[in-house]
Amino acid sequence: KGGKTKLVSKTGTGIVRQWNILAKMVPLDEIPTFVDPLHWLGYFPPIGVDHMKNFGAGVDWRRSFITTFVNPYYDAFIRWQF
């Protein structure tokens, strides 16, 4: 086997920064707003729903929920599991 990993072959360094990942998905001027974890919860879930709808997934979106401290009922359920 060669000495280069797949990551090094693709990126040239093997170091992938969060900024570079976000730069491929959101406008550059909006990246600093992702310091706030709640911004992630508002930004990406609707995109995921749109992707699933475009994929043709039959999902009852009325039953979707977030399992973090933003939704204390389900957060307690998840904490109980682990």
C-alpha atoms as a PDB file:
ATOM      1  CA  LYS A   1       0.000   0.000   0.000  1.00  0.00           C
ATOM      2  CA  GLY A   2       1.083   3.543  -0.684  1.00  0.00           C
ATOM      3  CA  GLY A   3       2.013   5.988   2.031  1.00  0.00           C
ATOM      4  CA  LYS A   4      -0.687   8.547   1.212  1.00  0.00           C
ATOM      5  CA  THR A   5      -4.097   8.259   2.734  1.00  0.00           C
ATOM      6  CA  LYS A   6      -7.222   9.064   0.751  1.00  0.00           C
ATOM      7  CA  LEU A   7      -7.595  12.352   2.632  1.00  0.00           C
ATOM      8  CA  VAL A   8      -4.034  13.449   1.859  1.00  0.00           C
ATOM      9  CA  SER A   9      -4.480  12.485  -1.782  1.00  0.00           C
ATOM     10  CA  LYS A  10      -7.639  14.595  -2.075  1.00  0.00           C
ATOM     11  CA  THR A  11      -6.653  17.639  -0.008  1.00  0.00           C
ATOM     12  CA  GLY A  12      -2.891  17.591  -0.231  1.00  0.00           C
ATOM     13  CA  THR A  13      -2.422  18.024   3.526  1.00  0.00           C
ATOM     14  CA  GLY A  14      -4.607  15.719   5.551  1.00  0.00           C
ATOM     15  CA  ILE A  15      -5.789  18.700   7.601  1.00  0.00           C
ATOM     16  CA  VAL A  16      -9.399  19.691   6.997  1.00  0.00           C
ATOM     17  CA  ARG A  17     -10.611  22.813   8.734  1.00  0.00           C
ATOM     18  CA  GLN A  18     -14.244  23.434   9.632  1.00  0.00           C
ATOM     19  CA  TRP A  19     -14.049  26.779   7.837  1.00  0.00           C
ATOM     20  CA  ASN A  20     -13.144  25.039   4.576  1.00  0.00           C
ATOM     21  CA  ILE A  21     -15.997  22.567   4.955  1.00  0.00           C
ATOM     22  CA  LEU A  22     -18.521  25.349   5.625  1.00  0.00           C
ATOM     23  CA  ALA A  23     -17.154  27.413   2.733  1.00  0.00           C
ATOM     24  CA  LYS A  24     -18.414  24.695   0.399  1.00  0.00           C
ATOM     25  CA  MET A  25     -21.931  24.865   1.854  1.00  0.00           C
ATOM     26  CA  VAL A  26     -22.701  28.454   2.921  1.00  0.00           C
ATOM     27  CA  PRO A  27     -21.774  31.994   1.838  1.00  0.00           C
ATOM     28  CA  LEU A  28     -18.396  33.081   3.247  1.00  0.00           C
ATOM     29  CA  ASP A  29     -19.830  36.104   5.056  1.00  0.00           C
ATOM     30  CA  GLU A  30     -22.233  33.843   6.956  1.00  0.00           C
ATOM     31  CA  ILE A  31     -19.585  31.438   8.318  1.00  0.00           C
ATOM     32  CA  PRO A  32     -18.833  33.488  11.478  1.00  0.00           C
ATOM     33  CA  THR A  33     -22.469  33.109  12.576  1.00  0.00           C
ATOM     34  CA  PHE A  34     -21.870  29.368  13.004  1.00  0.00           C
ATOM     35  CA  VAL A  35     -20.019  30.105  16.235  1.00  0.00           C
ATOM     36  CA  ASP A  36     -23.469  29.949  17.814  1.00  0.00           C
ATOM     37  CA  PRO A  37     -24.601  26.298  18.054  1.00  0.00           C
ATOM     38  CA  LEU A  38     -28.240  27.386  17.808  1.00  0.00           C
ATOM     39  CA  HIS A  39     -27.517  28.853  14.381  1.00  0.00           C
ATOM     40  CA  TRP A  40     -26.652  25.337  13.175  1.00  0.00           C
ATOM     41  CA  LEU A  41     -30.047  24.107  14.376  1.00  0.00           C
ATOM     42  CA  GLY A  42     -31.841  26.826  12.463  1.00  0.00           C
ATOM     43  CA  TYR A  43     -29.773  26.620   9.288  1.00  0.00           C
ATOM     44  CA  PHE A  44     -29.228  22.976   8.392  1.00  0.00           C
ATOM     45  CA  PRO A  45     -32.430  21.080   9.363  1.00  0.00           C
ATOM     46  CA  PRO A  46     -34.607  22.847   6.746  1.00  0.00           C
ATOM     47  CA  ILE A  47     -31.976  22.058   4.112  1.00  0.00           C
ATOM     48  CA  GLY A  48     -32.027  18.414   5.183  1.00  0.00           C
ATOM     49  CA  VAL A  49     -35.826  18.337   4.951  1.00  0.00           C
ATOM     50  CA  ASP A  50     -35.689  19.825   1.443  1.00  0.00           C
ATOM     51  CA  HIS A  51     -33.123  17.241   0.372  1.00  0.00           C
ATOM     52  CA  MET A  52     -35.229  14.399   1.743  1.00  0.00           C
ATOM     53  CA  LYS A  53     -38.329  15.725  -0.026  1.00  0.00           C
ATOM     54  CA  ASN A  54     -36.394  16.055  -3.305  1.00  0.00           C
ATOM     55  CA  PHE A  55     -35.164  12.500  -2.808  1.00  0.00           C
ATOM     56  CA  GLY A  56     -38.779  11.400  -2.555  1.00  0.00           C
ATOM     57  CA  ALA A  57     -38.723  10.218   1.048  1.00  0.00           C
ATOM     58  CA  GLY A  58     -42.189   9.777   2.493  1.00  0.00           C
ATOM     59  CA  VAL A  59     -41.714  11.358   5.907  1.00  0.00           C
ATOM     60  CA  ASP A  60     -44.364  12.755   8.217  1.00  0.00           C
ATOM     61  CA  TRP A  61     -42.548  16.010   9.041  1.00  0.00           C
ATOM     62  CA  ARG A  62     -45.149  16.911  11.669  1.00  0.00           C
ATOM     63  CA  ARG A  63     -43.433  14.369  13.902  1.00  0.00           C
ATOM     64  CA  SER A  64     -39.892  15.738  13.571  1.00  0.00           C
ATOM     65  CA  PHE A  65     -38.077  17.000  16.641  1.00  0.00           C
ATOM     66  CA  ILE A  66     -34.659  18.120  17.829  1.00  0.00           C
ATOM     67  CA  THR A  67     -32.926  16.049  20.490  1.00  0.00           C
ATOM     68  CA  THR A  68     -30.794  18.717  22.162  1.00  0.00           C
ATOM     69  CA  PHE A  69     -31.212  21.080  25.099  1.00  0.00           C
ATOM     70  CA  VAL A  70     -33.384  23.202  22.785  1.00  0.00           C
ATOM     71  CA  ASN A  71     -36.114  20.608  23.286  1.00  0.00           C
ATOM     72  CA  PRO A  72     -35.830  19.604  26.988  1.00  0.00           C
ATOM     73  CA  TYR A  73     -38.362  16.748  26.788  1.00  0.00           C
ATOM     74  CA  TYR A  74     -36.475  14.820  24.093  1.00  0.00           C
ATOM     75  CA  ASP A  75     -33.093  15.860  25.445  1.00  0.00           C
ATOM     76  CA  ALA A  76     -33.979  14.129  28.720  1.00  0.00           C
ATOM     77  CA  PHE A  77     -35.019  11.034  26.739  1.00  0.00           C
ATOM     78  CA  ILE A  78     -31.709  10.919  24.877  1.00  0.00           C
ATOM     79  CA  ARG A  79     -29.709  11.472  28.075  1.00  0.00           C
ATOM     80  CA  TRP A  80     -31.640   8.641  29.724  1.00  0.00           C
ATOM     81  CA  GLN A  81     -30.619   6.279  26.898  1.00  0.00           C
ATOM     82  CA  PHE A  82     -26.930   6.970  27.346  1.00  0.00           C
END
